[in-house]
Amino acid sequence: MNTTSLDQIKDRYYGEVGTPERNQLERDLESLRIGVKIRAAREKQAMTQAELAERVEKKRSFISKVENDGGNITLKTLYDIVERGLGGKLKIEVQL
């Protein structure tokens, strides 16, 4: 049986790393990861979206949008959610 890795599938359908289509895919996936991590942290603390929203002075629907599509969020808002809302620390890494 031949198995295909996720990277091979992404190469085939979106191009190799460095192409505009692949770079956009990777950014979109990273945005989704951010939302998933925020949701997991909130659920670990047994907190509702409404409770988190109240802590960061946002609407519950905004928290839902962040959790389902972490894209298009400002750094200030991300810091507010993680630090004020969840009581965590945000670490941002730049890779070159």
PDB file of N, CA and C in Angstrom:
ATOM      1  N   MET A   1       0.847  -1.174   0.000  1.00  0.00           N
ATOM      2  CA  MET A   1       0.000   0.000   0.000  1.00  0.00           C
ATOM      3  C   MET A   1       0.895   1.240   0.000  1.00  0.00           C
ATOM      4  N   ASN A   2       0.599   2.165  -0.873  1.00  0.00           N
ATOM      5  CA  ASN A   2       1.318   3.434  -0.921  1.00  0.00           C
ATOM      6  C   ASN A   2       0.635   4.426   0.009  1.00  0.00           C
ATOM      7  N   THR A   3       1.422   5.072   0.819  1.00  0.00           N
ATOM      8  CA  THR A   3       0.872   6.119   1.665  1.00  0.00           C
ATOM      9  C   THR A   3       1.419   7.453   1.190  1.00  0.00           C
ATOM     10  N   THR A   4       0.596   8.452   1.358  1.00  0.00           N
ATOM     11  CA  THR A   4       0.968   9.799   0.944  1.00  0.00           C
ATOM     12  C   THR A   4       0.953  10.688   2.173  1.00  0.00           C
ATOM     13  N   SER A   5       2.012  11.443   2.361  1.00  0.00           N
ATOM     14  CA  SER A   5       2.078  12.338   3.515  1.00  0.00           C
ATOM     15  C   SER A   5       1.250  13.598   3.246  1.00  0.00           C
ATOM     16  N   LEU A   6       0.917  14.279   4.331  1.00  0.00           N
ATOM     17  CA  LEU A   6       0.180  15.532   4.194  1.00  0.00           C
ATOM     18  C   LEU A   6       0.986  16.542   3.394  1.00  0.00           C
ATOM     19  N   ASP A   7       2.288  16.594   3.626  1.00  0.00           N
ATOM     20  CA  ASP A   7       3.128  17.524   2.862  1.00  0.00           C
ATOM     21  C   ASP A   7       3.111  17.201   1.370  1.00  0.00           C
ATOM     22  N   GLN A   8       3.078  15.921   1.017  1.00  0.00           N
ATOM     23  CA  GLN A   8       3.013  15.541  -0.396  1.00  0.00           C
ATOM     24  C   GLN A   8       1.676  15.974  -1.006  1.00  0.00           C
ATOM     25  N   ILE A   9       0.621  15.833  -0.251  1.00  0.00           N
ATOM     26  CA  ILE A   9      -0.698  16.255  -0.744  1.00  0.00           C
ATOM     27  C   ILE A   9      -0.720  17.770  -0.934  1.00  0.00           C
ATOM     28  N   LYS A  10      -0.186  18.499   0.048  1.00  0.00           N
ATOM     29  CA  LYS A  10      -0.147  19.964  -0.069  1.00  0.00           C
ATOM     30  C   LYS A  10       0.715  20.379  -1.254  1.00  0.00           C
ATOM     31  N   ASP A  11       1.843  19.682  -1.464  1.00  0.00           N
ATOM     32  CA  ASP A  11       2.697  19.978  -2.625  1.00  0.00           C
ATOM     33  C   ASP A  11       1.931  19.797  -3.920  1.00  0.00           C
ATOM     34  N   ARG A  12       1.172  18.716  -4.014  1.00  0.00           N
ATOM     35  CA  ARG A  12       0.458  18.393  -5.245  1.00  0.00           C
ATOM     36  C   ARG A  12      -0.655  19.391  -5.542  1.00  0.00           C
ATOM     37  N   TYR A  13      -1.432  19.763  -4.522  1.00  0.00           N
ATOM     38  CA  TYR A  13      -2.607  20.592  -4.763  1.00  0.00           C
ATOM     39  C   TYR A  13      -2.379  22.095  -4.581  1.00  0.00           C
ATOM     40  N   TYR A  14      -1.370  22.460  -3.785  1.00  0.00           N
ATOM     41  CA  TYR A  14      -1.154  23.883  -3.506  1.00  0.00           C
ATOM     42  C   TYR A  14       0.223  24.369  -3.925  1.00  0.00           C
ATOM     43  N   GLY A  15       1.050  23.480  -4.430  1.00  0.00           N
ATOM     44  CA  GLY A  15       2.398  23.860  -4.824  1.00  0.00           C
ATOM     45  C   GLY A  15       3.377  23.653  -3.684  1.00  0.00           C
ATOM     46  N   GLU A  16       4.627  23.767  -4.016  1.00  0.00           N
ATOM     47  CA  GLU A  16       5.662  23.566  -3.011  1.00  0.00           C
ATOM     48  C   GLU A  16       5.773  24.782  -2.101  1.00  0.00           C
ATOM     49  N   VAL A  17       6.417  24.581  -0.956  1.00  0.00           N
ATOM     50  CA  VAL A  17       6.633  25.668  -0.007  1.00  0.00           C
ATOM     51  C   VAL A  17       7.345  26.804  -0.730  1.00  0.00           C
ATOM     52  N   GLY A  18       6.850  28.011  -0.523  1.00  0.00           N
ATOM     53  CA  GLY A  18       7.429  29.184  -1.163  1.00  0.00           C
ATOM     54  C   GLY A  18       6.576  29.744  -2.288  1.00  0.00           C
ATOM     55  N   THR A  19       5.641  28.938  -2.805  1.00  0.00           N
ATOM     56  CA  THR A  19       4.750  29.457  -3.841  1.00  0.00           C
ATOM     57  C   THR A  19       3.627  30.253  -3.166  1.00  0.00           C
ATOM     58  N   PRO A  20       3.059  31.242  -3.851  1.00  0.00           N
ATOM     59  CA  PRO A  20       2.010  32.056  -3.223  1.00  0.00           C
ATOM     60  C   PRO A  20       0.832  31.240  -2.702  1.00  0.00           C
ATOM     61  N   GLU A  21       0.387  30.243  -3.472  1.00  0.00           N
ATOM     62  CA  GLU A  21      -0.761  29.436  -3.052  1.00  0.00           C
ATOM     63  C   GLU A  21      -0.441  28.640  -1.798  1.00  0.00           C
ATOM     64  N   ARG A  22       0.741  28.055  -1.744  1.00  0.00           N
ATOM     65  CA  ARG A  22       1.124  27.259  -0.582  1.00  0.00           C
ATOM     66  C   ARG A  22       1.326  28.146   0.638  1.00  0.00           C
ATOM     67  N   ASN A  23       1.937  29.304   0.442  1.00  0.00           N
ATOM     68  CA  ASN A  23       2.134  30.222   1.563  1.00  0.00           C
ATOM     69  C   ASN A  23       0.795  30.657   2.153  1.00  0.00           C
ATOM     70  N   GLN A  24      -0.188  30.910   1.292  1.00  0.00           N
ATOM     71  CA  GLN A  24      -1.517  31.298   1.775  1.00  0.00           C
ATOM     72  C   GLN A  24      -2.157  30.150   2.548  1.00  0.00           C
ATOM     73  N   LEU A  25      -2.027  28.940   2.045  1.00  0.00           N
ATOM     74  CA  LEU A  25      -2.563  27.773   2.743  1.00  0.00           C
ATOM     75  C   LEU A  25      -1.942  27.652   4.133  1.00  0.00           C
ATOM     76  N   GLU A  26      -0.634  27.786   4.219  1.00  0.00           N
ATOM     77  CA  GLU A  26       0.050  27.653   5.504  1.00  0.00           C
ATOM     78  C   GLU A  26      -0.392  28.742   6.481  1.00  0.00           C
ATOM     79  N   ARG A  27      -0.594  29.968   5.996  1.00  0.00           N
ATOM     80  CA  ARG A  27      -1.086  31.051   6.861  1.00  0.00           C
ATOM     81  C   ARG A  27      -2.504  30.747   7.344  1.00  0.00           C
ATOM     82  N   ASP A  28      -3.352  30.258   6.446  1.00  0.00           N
ATOM     83  CA  ASP A  28      -4.723  29.919   6.826  1.00  0.00           C
ATOM     84  C   ASP A  28      -4.746  28.809   7.872  1.00  0.00           C
ATOM     85  N   LEU A  29      -3.892  27.799   7.685  1.00  0.00           N
ATOM     86  CA  LEU A  29      -3.828  26.701   8.653  1.00  0.00           C
ATOM     87  C   LEU A  29      -3.339  27.196  10.013  1.00  0.00           C
ATOM     88  N   GLU A  30      -2.385  28.096  10.007  1.00  0.00           N
ATOM     89  CA  GLU A  30      -1.886  28.637  11.275  1.00  0.00           C
ATOM     90  C   GLU A  30      -2.974  29.447  11.975  1.00  0.00           C
ATOM     91  N   SER A  31      -3.782  30.167  11.222  1.00  0.00           N
ATOM     92  CA  SER A  31      -4.909  30.899  11.807  1.00  0.00           C
ATOM     93  C   SER A  31      -5.887  29.941  12.469  1.00  0.00           C
ATOM     94  N   LEU A  32      -6.168  28.832  11.816  1.00  0.00           N
ATOM     95  CA  LEU A  32      -7.059  27.833  12.407  1.00  0.00           C
ATOM     96  C   LEU A  32      -6.460  27.259  13.683  1.00  0.00           C
ATOM     97  N   ARG A  33      -5.152  27.016  13.686  1.00  0.00           N
ATOM     98  CA  ARG A  33      -4.484  26.480  14.883  1.00  0.00           C
ATOM     99  C   ARG A  33      -4.633  27.438  16.063  1.00  0.00           C
ATOM    100  N   ILE A  34      -4.522  28.734  15.802  1.00  0.00           N
ATOM    101  CA  ILE A  34      -4.668  29.723  16.874  1.00  0.00           C
ATOM    102  C   ILE A  34      -6.055  29.614  17.493  1.00  0.00           C
ATOM    103  N   GLY A  35      -7.071  29.555  16.655  1.00  0.00           N
ATOM    104  CA  GLY A  35      -8.438  29.431  17.153  1.00  0.00           C
ATOM    105  C   GLY A  35      -8.653  28.159  17.953  1.00  0.00           C
ATOM    106  N   VAL A  36      -8.100  27.053  17.470  1.00  0.00           N
ATOM    107  CA  VAL A  36      -8.231  25.770  18.171  1.00  0.00           C
ATOM    108  C   VAL A  36      -7.545  25.834  19.532  1.00  0.00           C
ATOM    109  N   LYS A  37      -6.378  26.465  19.592  1.00  0.00           N
ATOM    110  CA  LYS A  37      -5.656  26.574  20.855  1.00  0.00           C
ATOM    111  C   LYS A  37      -6.409  27.454  21.856  1.00  0.00           C
ATOM    112  N   ILE A  38      -7.005  28.528  21.372  1.00  0.00           N
ATOM    113  CA  ILE A  38      -7.791  29.389  22.257  1.00  0.00           C
ATOM    114  C   ILE A  38      -8.993  28.621  22.798  1.00  0.00           C
ATOM    115  N   ARG A  39      -9.688  27.901  21.939  1.00  0.00           N
ATOM    116  CA  ARG A  39     -10.844  27.116  22.380  1.00  0.00           C
ATOM    117  C   ARG A  39     -10.425  26.076  23.417  1.00  0.00           C
ATOM    118  N   ALA A  40      -9.342  25.363  23.145  1.00  0.00           N
ATOM    119  CA  ALA A  40      -8.878  24.322  24.067  1.00  0.00           C
ATOM    120  C   ALA A  40      -8.529  24.920  25.433  1.00  0.00           C
ATOM    121  N   ALA A  41      -7.856  26.074  25.436  1.00  0.00           N
ATOM    122  CA  ALA A  41      -7.497  26.719  26.700  1.00  0.00           C
ATOM    123  C   ALA A  41      -8.741  27.159  27.461  1.00  0.00           C
ATOM    124  N   ARG A  42      -9.719  27.697  26.733  1.00  0.00           N
ATOM    125  CA  ARG A  42     -10.965  28.139  27.372  1.00  0.00           C
ATOM    126  C   ARG A  42     -11.708  26.953  27.965  1.00  0.00           C
ATOM    127  N   GLU A  43     -11.816  25.873  27.191  1.00  0.00           N
ATOM    128  CA  GLU A  43     -12.535  24.690  27.670  1.00  0.00           C
ATOM    129  C   GLU A  43     -11.809  24.031  28.838  1.00  0.00           C
ATOM    130  N   LYS A  44     -10.489  24.058  28.832  1.00  0.00           N
ATOM    131  CA  LYS A  44      -9.706  23.488  29.934  1.00  0.00           C
ATOM    132  C   LYS A  44     -10.028  24.198  31.245  1.00  0.00           C
ATOM    133  N   GLN A  45     -10.348  25.480  31.147  1.00  0.00           N
ATOM    134  CA  GLN A  45     -10.702  26.264  32.329  1.00  0.00           C
ATOM    135  C   GLN A  45     -12.200  26.232  32.614  1.00  0.00           C
ATOM    136  N   ALA A  46     -12.936  25.406  31.871  1.00  0.00           N
ATOM    137  CA  ALA A  46     -14.391  25.277  32.028  1.00  0.00           C
ATOM    138  C   ALA A  46     -15.072  26.650  31.929  1.00  0.00           C
ATOM    139  N   MET A  47     -14.625  27.429  30.963  1.00  0.00           N
ATOM    140  CA  MET A  47     -15.140  28.772  30.753  1.00  0.00           C
ATOM    141  C   MET A  47     -15.992  28.780  29.482  1.00  0.00           C
ATOM    142  N   THR A  48     -17.083  29.512  29.509  1.00  0.00           N
ATOM    143  CA  THR A  48     -17.910  29.651  28.317  1.00  0.00           C
ATOM    144  C   THR A  48     -17.361  30.759  27.432  1.00  0.00           C
ATOM    145  N   GLN A  49     -17.815  30.781  26.192  1.00  0.00           N
ATOM    146  CA  GLN A  49     -17.426  31.870  25.297  1.00  0.00           C
ATOM    147  C   GLN A  49     -17.910  33.205  25.853  1.00  0.00           C
ATOM    148  N   ALA A  50     -19.093  33.201  26.438  1.00  0.00           N
ATOM    149  CA  ALA A  50     -19.639  34.441  26.999  1.00  0.00           C
ATOM    150  C   ALA A  50     -18.780  34.954  28.149  1.00  0.00           C
ATOM    151  N   GLU A  51     -18.299  34.054  28.992  1.00  0.00           N
ATOM    152  CA  GLU A  51     -17.446  34.460  30.109  1.00  0.00           C
ATOM    153  C   GLU A  51     -16.121  35.040  29.604  1.00  0.00           C
ATOM    154  N   LEU A  52     -15.535  34.380  28.609  1.00  0.00           N
ATOM    155  CA  LEU A  52     -14.290  34.888  28.034  1.00  0.00           C
ATOM    156  C   LEU A  52     -14.525  36.247  27.380  1.00  0.00           C
ATOM    157  N   ALA A  53     -15.608  36.363  26.651  1.00  0.00           N
ATOM    158  CA  ALA A  53     -15.932  37.629  25.979  1.00  0.00           C
ATOM    159  C   ALA A  53     -16.076  38.767  26.988  1.00  0.00           C
ATOM    160  N   GLU A  54     -16.727  38.486  28.105  1.00  0.00           N
ATOM    161  CA  GLU A  54     -16.907  39.511  29.133  1.00  0.00           C
ATOM    162  C   GLU A  54     -15.557  39.965  29.696  1.00  0.00           C
ATOM    163  N   ARG A  55     -14.648  39.034  29.903  1.00  0.00           N
ATOM    164  CA  ARG A  55     -13.330  39.375  30.455  1.00  0.00           C
ATOM    165  C   ARG A  55     -12.518  40.282  29.526  1.00  0.00           C
ATOM    166  N   VAL A  56     -12.726  40.134  28.215  1.00  0.00           N
ATOM    167  CA  VAL A  56     -11.947  40.938  27.262  1.00  0.00           C
ATOM    168  C   VAL A  56     -12.788  42.022  26.598  1.00  0.00           C
ATOM    169  N   GLU A  57     -13.990  42.219  27.109  1.00  0.00           N
ATOM    170  CA  GLU A  57     -14.889  43.271  26.639  1.00  0.00           C
ATOM    171  C   GLU A  57     -15.198  43.146  25.150  1.00  0.00           C
ATOM    172  N   LYS A  58     -15.535  41.930  24.756  1.00  0.00           N
ATOM    173  CA  LYS A  58     -15.948  41.640  23.377  1.00  0.00           C
ATOM    174  C   LYS A  58     -17.279  40.910  23.432  1.00  0.00           C
ATOM    175  N   LYS A  59     -17.880  40.718  22.274  1.00  0.00           N
ATOM    176  CA  LYS A  59     -19.118  39.947  22.198  1.00  0.00           C
ATOM    177  C   LYS A  59     -18.804  38.460  22.091  1.00  0.00           C
ATOM    178  N   ARG A  60     -19.741  37.634  22.568  1.00  0.00           N
ATOM    179  CA  ARG A  60     -19.569  36.189  22.481  1.00  0.00           C
ATOM    180  C   ARG A  60     -19.386  35.757  21.039  1.00  0.00           C
ATOM    181  N   SER A  61     -20.090  36.376  20.130  1.00  0.00           N
ATOM    182  CA  SER A  61     -19.986  36.018  18.715  1.00  0.00           C
ATOM    183  C   SER A  61     -18.573  36.280  18.175  1.00  0.00           C
ATOM    184  N   PHE A  62     -17.900  37.277  18.723  1.00  0.00           N
ATOM    185  CA  PHE A  62     -16.527  37.556  18.311  1.00  0.00           C
ATOM    186  C   PHE A  62     -15.605  36.420  18.761  1.00  0.00           C
ATOM    187  N   ILE A  63     -15.771  35.963  19.993  1.00  0.00           N
ATOM    188  CA  ILE A  63     -14.963  34.850  20.500  1.00  0.00           C
ATOM    189  C   ILE A  63     -15.216  33.610  19.654  1.00  0.00           C
ATOM    190  N   SER A  64     -16.460  33.364  19.294  1.00  0.00           N
ATOM    191  CA  SER A  64     -16.790  32.228  18.431  1.00  0.00           C
ATOM    192  C   SER A  64     -16.076  32.331  17.093  1.00  0.00           C
ATOM    193  N   LYS A  65     -16.079  33.518  16.524  1.00  0.00           N
ATOM    194  CA  LYS A  65     -15.400  33.721  15.239  1.00  0.00           C
ATOM    195  C   LYS A  65     -13.902  33.477  15.370  1.00  0.00           C
ATOM    196  N   VAL A  66     -13.296  33.955  16.434  1.00  0.00           N
ATOM    197  CA  VAL A  66     -11.862  33.742  16.654  1.00  0.00           C
ATOM    198  C   VAL A  66     -11.574  32.249  16.778  1.00  0.00           C
ATOM    199  N   GLU A  67     -12.394  31.542  17.528  1.00  0.00           N
ATOM    200  CA  GLU A  67     -12.177  30.110  17.739  1.00  0.00           C
ATOM    201  C   GLU A  67     -12.374  29.299  16.465  1.00  0.00           C
ATOM    202  N   ASN A  68     -13.263  29.735  15.609  1.00  0.00           N
ATOM    203  CA  ASN A  68     -13.540  28.994  14.382  1.00  0.00           C
ATOM    204  C   ASN A  68     -12.694  29.435  13.202  1.00  0.00           C
ATOM    205  N   ASP A  69     -12.152  30.635  13.281  1.00  0.00           N
ATOM    206  CA  ASP A  69     -11.292  31.163  12.218  1.00  0.00           C
ATOM    207  C   ASP A  69     -10.406  32.226  12.848  1.00  0.00           C
ATOM    208  N   GLY A  70      -9.263  31.809  13.363  1.00  0.00           N
ATOM    209  CA  GLY A  70      -8.390  32.713  14.094  1.00  0.00           C
ATOM    210  C   GLY A  70      -7.792  33.828  13.266  1.00  0.00           C
ATOM    211  N   GLY A  71      -8.102  33.879  11.986  1.00  0.00           N
ATOM    212  CA  GLY A  71      -7.531  34.902  11.126  1.00  0.00           C
ATOM    213  C   GLY A  71      -8.127  36.271  11.384  1.00  0.00           C
ATOM    214  N   ASN A  72      -7.445  37.284  10.903  1.00  0.00           N
ATOM    215  CA  ASN A  72      -7.908  38.664  10.968  1.00  0.00           C
ATOM    216  C   ASN A  72      -8.166  39.131  12.399  1.00  0.00           C
ATOM    217  N   ILE A  73      -7.238  38.806  13.282  1.00  0.00           N
ATOM    218  CA  ILE A  73      -7.319  39.246  14.664  1.00  0.00           C
ATOM    219  C   ILE A  73      -6.069  40.093  14.938  1.00  0.00           C
ATOM    220  N   THR A  74      -6.247  41.198  15.620  1.00  0.00           N
ATOM    221  CA  THR A  74      -5.090  42.043  15.907  1.00  0.00           C
ATOM    222  C   THR A  74      -4.253  41.409  17.015  1.00  0.00           C
ATOM    223  N   LEU A  75      -2.989  41.800  17.056  1.00  0.00           N
ATOM    224  CA  LEU A  75      -2.123  41.299  18.122  1.00  0.00           C
ATOM    225  C   LEU A  75      -2.626  41.751  19.489  1.00  0.00           C
ATOM    226  N   LYS A  76      -3.106  42.977  19.584  1.00  0.00           N
ATOM    227  CA  LYS A  76      -3.627  43.471  20.859  1.00  0.00           C
ATOM    228  C   LYS A  76      -4.773  42.594  21.341  1.00  0.00           C
ATOM    229  N   THR A  77      -5.688  42.266  20.444  1.00  0.00           N
ATOM    230  CA  THR A  77      -6.823  41.430  20.819  1.00  0.00           C
ATOM    231  C   THR A  77      -6.356  40.035  21.196  1.00  0.00           C
ATOM    232  N   LEU A  78      -5.402  39.487  20.461  1.00  0.00           N
ATOM    233  CA  LEU A  78      -4.870  38.169  20.786  1.00  0.00           C
ATOM    234  C   LEU A  78      -4.231  38.185  22.175  1.00  0.00           C
ATOM    235  N   TYR A  79      -3.443  39.207  22.466  1.00  0.00           N
ATOM    236  CA  TYR A  79      -2.857  39.339  23.805  1.00  0.00           C
ATOM    237  C   TYR A  79      -3.953  39.452  24.860  1.00  0.00           C
ATOM    238  N   ASP A  80      -4.983  40.264  24.601  1.00  0.00           N
ATOM    239  CA  ASP A  80      -6.083  40.419  25.560  1.00  0.00           C
ATOM    240  C   ASP A  80      -6.754  39.081  25.843  1.00  0.00           C
ATOM    241  N   ILE A  81      -7.050  38.321  24.802  1.00  0.00           N
ATOM    242  CA  ILE A  81      -7.728  37.040  24.980  1.00  0.00           C
ATOM    243  C   ILE A  81      -6.868  36.090  25.809  1.00  0.00           C
ATOM    244  N   VAL A  82      -5.599  35.976  25.430  1.00  0.00           N
ATOM    245  CA  VAL A  82      -4.727  35.011  26.106  1.00  0.00           C
ATOM    246  C   VAL A  82      -4.371  35.466  27.517  1.00  0.00           C
ATOM    247  N   GLU A  83      -3.982  36.709  27.673  1.00  0.00           N
ATOM    248  CA  GLU A  83      -3.483  37.151  28.971  1.00  0.00           C
ATOM    249  C   GLU A  83      -4.584  37.615  29.912  1.00  0.00           C
ATOM    250  N   ARG A  84      -5.425  38.526  29.474  1.00  0.00           N
ATOM    251  CA  ARG A  84      -6.518  38.997  30.349  1.00  0.00           C
ATOM    252  C   ARG A  84      -7.624  37.975  30.471  1.00  0.00           C
ATOM    253  N   GLY A  85      -8.015  37.410  29.339  1.00  0.00           N
ATOM    254  CA  GLY A  85      -9.156  36.509  29.343  1.00  0.00           C
ATOM    255  C   GLY A  85      -8.869  35.133  29.904  1.00  0.00           C
ATOM    256  N   LEU A  86      -7.733  34.566  29.503  1.00  0.00           N
ATOM    257  CA  LEU A  86      -7.422  33.189  29.897  1.00  0.00           C
ATOM    258  C   LEU A  86      -6.363  33.111  30.999  1.00  0.00           C
ATOM    259  N   GLY A  87      -5.730  34.247  31.306  1.00  0.00           N
ATOM    260  CA  GLY A  87      -4.714  34.247  32.354  1.00  0.00           C
ATOM    261  C   GLY A  87      -3.417  33.566  31.948  1.00  0.00           C
ATOM    262  N   GLY A  88      -3.179  33.476  30.642  1.00  0.00           N
ATOM    263  CA  GLY A  88      -1.976  32.821  30.147  1.00  0.00           C
ATOM    264  C   GLY A  88      -0.937  33.813  29.674  1.00  0.00           C
ATOM    265  N   LYS A  89       0.063  33.301  29.035  1.00  0.00           N
ATOM    266  CA  LYS A  89       1.122  34.116  28.445  1.00  0.00           C
ATOM    267  C   LYS A  89       1.186  33.789  26.966  1.00  0.00           C
ATOM    268  N   LEU A  90       1.275  34.812  26.145  1.00  0.00           N
ATOM    269  CA  LEU A  90       1.375  34.634  24.700  1.00  0.00           C
ATOM    270  C   LEU A  90       2.825  34.734  24.305  1.00  0.00           C
ATOM    271  N   LYS A  91       3.288  33.739  23.572  1.00  0.00           N
ATOM    272  CA  LYS A  91       4.662  33.722  23.070  1.00  0.00           C
ATOM    273  C   LYS A  91       4.587  33.698  21.554  1.00  0.00           C
ATOM    274  N   ILE A  92       5.187  34.682  20.904  1.00  0.00           N
ATOM    275  CA  ILE A  92       5.186  34.752  19.455  1.00  0.00           C
ATOM    276  C   ILE A  92       6.603  34.480  18.967  1.00  0.00           C
ATOM    277  N   GLU A  93       6.708  33.627  18.008  1.00  0.00           N
ATOM    278  CA  GLU A  93       8.019  33.240  17.472  1.00  0.00           C
ATOM    279  C   GLU A  93       8.117  33.659  16.020  1.00  0.00           C
ATOM    280  N   VAL A  94       9.238  34.221  15.654  1.00  0.00           N
ATOM    281  CA  VAL A  94       9.503  34.579  14.266  1.00  0.00           C
ATOM    282  C   VAL A  94      10.564  33.636  13.740  1.00  0.00           C
ATOM    283  N   GLN A  95      10.264  32.970  12.644  1.00  0.00           N
ATOM    284  CA  GLN A  95      11.223  32.055  12.034  1.00  0.00           C
ATOM    285  C   GLN A  95      11.661  32.613  10.694  1.00  0.00           C
ATOM    286  N   LEU A  96      12.939  32.625  10.455  1.00  0.00           N
ATOM    287  CA  LEU A  96      13.467  33.116   9.192  1.00  0.00           C
ATOM    288  C   LEU A  96      14.139  31.987   8.448  1.00  0.00           C
TER     289      LEU A  96
END
